[in-house]
N, C-alpha and C. Protein backbone atom coordinates (compact mmCIF):
# COMPACT_ATOMS: atom_id res chain seq x y z
N ARG A 1 -141.07 -13.71 -156.37
CA ARG A 1 -141.30 -12.58 -155.49
C ARG A 1 -141.32 -13.01 -154.04
N ARG A 2 -140.89 -12.12 -153.18
CA ARG A 2 -140.91 -12.41 -151.75
C ARG A 2 -142.32 -12.28 -151.21
N PRO A 3 -142.70 -13.12 -150.26
CA PRO A 3 -144.08 -13.13 -149.79
C PRO A 3 -144.51 -11.86 -149.07
N PHE A 4 -143.59 -11.13 -148.46
CA PHE A 4 -143.95 -9.95 -147.70
C PHE A 4 -143.96 -8.67 -148.53
N ALA A 5 -143.50 -8.76 -149.78
CA ALA A 5 -143.33 -7.54 -150.55
C ALA A 5 -143.85 -7.70 -151.97
N PRO A 6 -144.83 -6.91 -152.33
CA PRO A 6 -145.31 -6.98 -153.70
C PRO A 6 -144.30 -6.47 -154.70
N SER A 7 -143.51 -5.47 -154.33
CA SER A 7 -142.47 -4.95 -155.20
C SER A 7 -141.49 -4.14 -154.38
N MET A 8 -140.33 -3.85 -154.96
CA MET A 8 -139.36 -3.01 -154.26
C MET A 8 -139.73 -1.57 -154.47
N ASP A 9 -139.76 -0.79 -153.40
CA ASP A 9 -140.07 0.62 -153.52
C ASP A 9 -138.80 1.43 -153.78
N ALA A 10 -138.97 2.71 -153.99
CA ALA A 10 -137.83 3.58 -154.29
C ALA A 10 -136.82 3.58 -153.16
N GLU A 11 -137.30 3.47 -151.93
CA GLU A 11 -136.39 3.47 -150.78
C GLU A 11 -135.43 2.30 -150.84
N SER A 12 -135.92 1.12 -151.17
CA SER A 12 -135.05 -0.05 -151.20
C SER A 12 -134.12 -0.03 -152.40
N ARG A 13 -134.49 0.62 -153.49
CA ARG A 13 -133.61 0.70 -154.65
C ARG A 13 -132.54 1.76 -154.46
N ASN A 14 -132.88 2.86 -153.83
CA ASN A 14 -131.95 3.99 -153.73
C ASN A 14 -131.55 4.33 -152.30
N GLY A 15 -132.17 3.71 -151.32
CA GLY A 15 -131.95 4.08 -149.93
C GLY A 15 -130.66 3.52 -149.37
N SER A 16 -130.43 3.87 -148.14
CA SER A 16 -129.23 3.41 -147.46
C SER A 16 -129.43 1.98 -146.95
N TYR A 17 -128.32 1.35 -146.68
CA TYR A 17 -128.33 0.00 -146.13
C TYR A 17 -127.99 0.05 -144.65
N LEU A 18 -128.58 -0.86 -143.90
CA LEU A 18 -128.35 -1.00 -142.48
C LEU A 18 -127.44 -2.19 -142.23
N LEU A 19 -126.70 -2.17 -141.13
CA LEU A 19 -125.99 -3.35 -140.67
C LEU A 19 -126.88 -3.98 -139.61
N VAL A 20 -127.29 -5.22 -139.84
CA VAL A 20 -128.24 -5.90 -138.97
C VAL A 20 -127.59 -7.16 -138.41
N GLU A 21 -127.92 -7.47 -137.17
CA GLU A 21 -127.49 -8.71 -136.55
C GLU A 21 -128.72 -9.56 -136.27
N LEU A 22 -128.66 -10.82 -136.67
CA LEU A 22 -129.74 -11.77 -136.46
C LEU A 22 -129.23 -12.88 -135.57
N ASN A 23 -129.95 -13.14 -134.48
CA ASN A 23 -129.56 -14.17 -133.53
C ASN A 23 -130.29 -15.47 -133.80
N ALA A 24 -129.60 -16.58 -133.53
CA ALA A 24 -130.20 -17.90 -133.65
C ALA A 24 -131.23 -18.08 -132.53
N PRO A 25 -132.22 -18.92 -132.70
CA PRO A 25 -132.46 -19.80 -133.84
C PRO A 25 -133.01 -19.00 -135.02
N TRP A 26 -132.62 -19.40 -136.22
CA TRP A 26 -133.01 -18.70 -137.43
C TRP A 26 -134.47 -18.94 -137.75
N PRO A 27 -135.20 -17.89 -138.10
CA PRO A 27 -136.58 -18.07 -138.55
C PRO A 27 -136.59 -18.89 -139.85
N PRO A 28 -137.53 -19.81 -140.02
CA PRO A 28 -137.54 -20.67 -141.21
C PRO A 28 -137.60 -19.90 -142.54
N ALA A 29 -138.30 -18.80 -142.60
CA ALA A 29 -138.47 -18.07 -143.87
C ALA A 29 -137.51 -16.91 -144.03
N VAL A 30 -136.43 -16.88 -143.27
CA VAL A 30 -135.55 -15.71 -143.30
C VAL A 30 -135.00 -15.43 -144.69
N GLY A 31 -134.69 -16.45 -145.46
CA GLY A 31 -134.17 -16.25 -146.81
C GLY A 31 -135.19 -15.70 -147.77
N LEU A 32 -136.46 -15.89 -147.49
CA LEU A 32 -137.52 -15.33 -148.34
C LEU A 32 -137.71 -13.84 -148.07
N VAL A 33 -137.43 -13.43 -146.86
CA VAL A 33 -137.62 -12.04 -146.46
C VAL A 33 -136.41 -11.19 -146.84
N SER A 34 -135.22 -11.75 -146.69
CA SER A 34 -133.99 -11.02 -146.98
C SER A 34 -132.97 -11.98 -147.58
N ARG A 35 -132.59 -11.74 -148.82
CA ARG A 35 -131.58 -12.59 -149.45
C ARG A 35 -130.26 -12.52 -148.68
N ALA A 36 -129.91 -11.33 -148.19
CA ALA A 36 -128.66 -11.17 -147.45
C ALA A 36 -128.69 -11.97 -146.14
N ALA A 37 -129.82 -11.94 -145.45
CA ALA A 37 -129.96 -12.71 -144.21
C ALA A 37 -129.88 -14.20 -144.50
N GLY A 38 -130.56 -14.63 -145.54
CA GLY A 38 -130.51 -16.04 -145.91
C GLY A 38 -129.11 -16.50 -146.24
N ARG A 39 -128.38 -15.67 -146.97
CA ARG A 39 -126.99 -16.00 -147.34
C ARG A 39 -126.12 -16.06 -146.08
N ALA A 40 -126.27 -15.10 -145.19
CA ALA A 40 -125.47 -15.08 -143.95
C ALA A 40 -125.72 -16.33 -143.11
N VAL A 41 -126.97 -16.74 -143.02
CA VAL A 41 -127.32 -17.94 -142.25
C VAL A 41 -126.76 -19.19 -142.93
N ARG A 42 -126.86 -19.28 -144.25
CA ARG A 42 -126.32 -20.44 -144.96
C ARG A 42 -124.81 -20.54 -144.82
N GLU A 43 -124.13 -19.39 -144.82
CA GLU A 43 -122.67 -19.39 -144.72
C GLU A 43 -122.17 -19.70 -143.33
N GLN A 44 -122.97 -19.41 -142.30
CA GLN A 44 -122.56 -19.62 -140.91
C GLN A 44 -123.68 -20.30 -140.12
N PRO A 45 -124.12 -21.50 -140.52
CA PRO A 45 -125.28 -22.12 -139.89
C PRO A 45 -125.10 -22.47 -138.42
N ALA A 46 -123.87 -22.69 -137.97
CA ALA A 46 -123.64 -23.06 -136.57
C ALA A 46 -123.38 -21.85 -135.67
N SER A 47 -123.37 -20.67 -136.24
CA SER A 47 -123.08 -19.46 -135.48
C SER A 47 -124.28 -19.08 -134.60
N SER A 48 -124.00 -18.39 -133.50
CA SER A 48 -125.09 -17.93 -132.63
C SER A 48 -125.71 -16.63 -133.14
N ALA A 49 -124.99 -15.94 -134.03
CA ALA A 49 -125.51 -14.69 -134.62
C ALA A 49 -124.78 -14.43 -135.93
N VAL A 50 -125.46 -13.77 -136.84
CA VAL A 50 -124.86 -13.36 -138.11
C VAL A 50 -125.13 -11.88 -138.33
N ARG A 51 -124.23 -11.24 -139.06
CA ARG A 51 -124.40 -9.83 -139.41
C ARG A 51 -124.42 -9.71 -140.92
N PHE A 52 -125.23 -8.77 -141.42
CA PHE A 52 -125.36 -8.58 -142.86
C PHE A 52 -125.95 -7.21 -143.13
N GLY A 53 -125.77 -6.72 -144.34
CA GLY A 53 -126.35 -5.46 -144.76
C GLY A 53 -127.69 -5.71 -145.41
N CYS A 54 -128.65 -4.84 -145.14
CA CYS A 54 -129.96 -4.97 -145.79
C CYS A 54 -130.59 -3.59 -145.93
N THR A 55 -131.59 -3.52 -146.79
CA THR A 55 -132.30 -2.25 -147.00
C THR A 55 -133.27 -2.00 -145.86
N GLN A 56 -133.75 -0.78 -145.79
CA GLN A 56 -134.77 -0.44 -144.79
C GLN A 56 -136.00 -1.31 -144.96
N LEU A 57 -136.36 -1.60 -146.20
CA LEU A 57 -137.52 -2.42 -146.48
C LEU A 57 -137.33 -3.85 -145.97
N GLU A 58 -136.17 -4.43 -146.25
CA GLU A 58 -135.88 -5.77 -145.73
C GLU A 58 -135.89 -5.79 -144.21
N TRP A 59 -135.39 -4.71 -143.60
CA TRP A 59 -135.39 -4.61 -142.14
C TRP A 59 -136.83 -4.65 -141.61
N ARG A 60 -137.72 -3.93 -142.25
CA ARG A 60 -139.14 -3.95 -141.81
C ARG A 60 -139.72 -5.36 -141.94
N TRP A 61 -139.38 -6.06 -143.02
CA TRP A 61 -139.87 -7.44 -143.18
C TRP A 61 -139.31 -8.35 -142.10
N LEU A 62 -138.01 -8.17 -141.79
CA LEU A 62 -137.41 -8.98 -140.73
C LEU A 62 -138.09 -8.73 -139.39
N GLN A 63 -138.43 -7.48 -139.11
CA GLN A 63 -139.11 -7.16 -137.86
C GLN A 63 -140.46 -7.86 -137.77
N GLN A 64 -141.14 -8.02 -138.91
CA GLN A 64 -142.42 -8.73 -138.91
C GLN A 64 -142.22 -10.22 -138.68
N LEU A 65 -141.06 -10.74 -139.08
CA LEU A 65 -140.79 -12.17 -139.01
C LEU A 65 -140.25 -12.60 -137.65
N THR A 66 -139.41 -11.77 -137.03
CA THR A 66 -138.72 -12.18 -135.80
C THR A 66 -138.35 -10.99 -134.94
N ARG A 67 -138.20 -11.26 -133.67
CA ARG A 67 -137.67 -10.25 -132.73
C ARG A 67 -136.19 -10.49 -132.45
N ALA A 68 -135.61 -11.47 -133.12
CA ALA A 68 -134.22 -11.85 -132.89
C ALA A 68 -133.24 -11.05 -133.75
N ALA A 69 -133.69 -9.95 -134.33
CA ALA A 69 -132.82 -9.12 -135.17
C ALA A 69 -132.73 -7.71 -134.57
N ARG A 70 -131.57 -7.09 -134.76
CA ARG A 70 -131.40 -5.71 -134.28
C ARG A 70 -130.49 -4.97 -135.24
N VAL A 71 -130.67 -3.66 -135.30
CA VAL A 71 -129.80 -2.82 -136.13
C VAL A 71 -128.52 -2.54 -135.34
N VAL A 72 -127.39 -2.87 -135.94
CA VAL A 72 -126.09 -2.62 -135.34
C VAL A 72 -125.60 -1.22 -135.72
N HIS A 73 -125.85 -0.84 -136.97
CA HIS A 73 -125.47 0.49 -137.45
C HIS A 73 -126.48 0.93 -138.49
N SER A 74 -126.87 2.19 -138.43
CA SER A 74 -127.94 2.68 -139.30
C SER A 74 -127.47 3.04 -140.71
N GLU A 75 -126.16 3.02 -140.95
CA GLU A 75 -125.64 3.33 -142.29
C GLU A 75 -124.45 2.41 -142.56
N LEU A 76 -124.65 1.43 -143.39
CA LEU A 76 -123.63 0.42 -143.65
C LEU A 76 -122.35 1.03 -144.22
N GLY A 77 -122.48 1.99 -145.13
CA GLY A 77 -121.30 2.63 -145.71
C GLY A 77 -120.45 3.34 -144.67
N GLU A 78 -121.09 4.05 -143.75
CA GLU A 78 -120.36 4.73 -142.68
C GLU A 78 -119.67 3.73 -141.76
N TYR A 79 -120.34 2.63 -141.47
CA TYR A 79 -119.77 1.60 -140.61
C TYR A 79 -118.44 1.10 -141.19
N TYR A 80 -118.45 0.75 -142.50
CA TYR A 80 -117.23 0.25 -143.12
C TYR A 80 -116.17 1.33 -143.26
N ALA A 81 -116.57 2.56 -143.50
CA ALA A 81 -115.61 3.66 -143.56
C ALA A 81 -114.93 3.86 -142.20
N ASP A 82 -115.71 3.82 -141.13
CA ASP A 82 -115.16 3.96 -139.78
C ASP A 82 -114.19 2.82 -139.47
N ARG A 83 -114.54 1.61 -139.90
CA ARG A 83 -113.66 0.45 -139.67
C ARG A 83 -112.35 0.61 -140.43
N ALA A 84 -112.43 1.14 -141.65
CA ALA A 84 -111.22 1.33 -142.46
C ALA A 84 -110.30 2.35 -141.81
N VAL A 85 -110.87 3.43 -141.30
CA VAL A 85 -110.07 4.46 -140.62
C VAL A 85 -109.45 3.87 -139.36
N ALA A 86 -110.23 3.15 -138.58
CA ALA A 86 -109.71 2.56 -137.34
C ALA A 86 -108.58 1.57 -137.62
N ALA A 87 -108.65 0.87 -138.72
CA ALA A 87 -107.60 -0.10 -139.07
C ALA A 87 -106.28 0.57 -139.39
N THR A 88 -106.31 1.85 -139.77
CA THR A 88 -105.08 2.56 -140.13
C THR A 88 -104.44 3.25 -138.91
N LEU A 89 -105.18 3.34 -137.81
CA LEU A 89 -104.66 4.00 -136.62
C LEU A 89 -103.75 3.05 -135.83
N PRO A 90 -102.72 3.63 -135.18
CA PRO A 90 -101.78 2.78 -134.42
C PRO A 90 -102.43 2.19 -133.18
């Protein structure tokens, strides 16, 4: 279990996902708070920032851990849909 969360609530199981950007230096426990954040940091350890999707609950945990994170888009599905449409435009 993650240290900040006794269990996943209904919001994190059924809620929307956010697109979040986390700036270096990485908080030591970031992988414990958000698996997606931990994976993004492991995949790009030399990067100055990483982006990943996370639940509202994970976002709240990240806010408790660091101020180096920000929401890039409030709905991950819409973000990718907009990108797909933009890629088809001339």
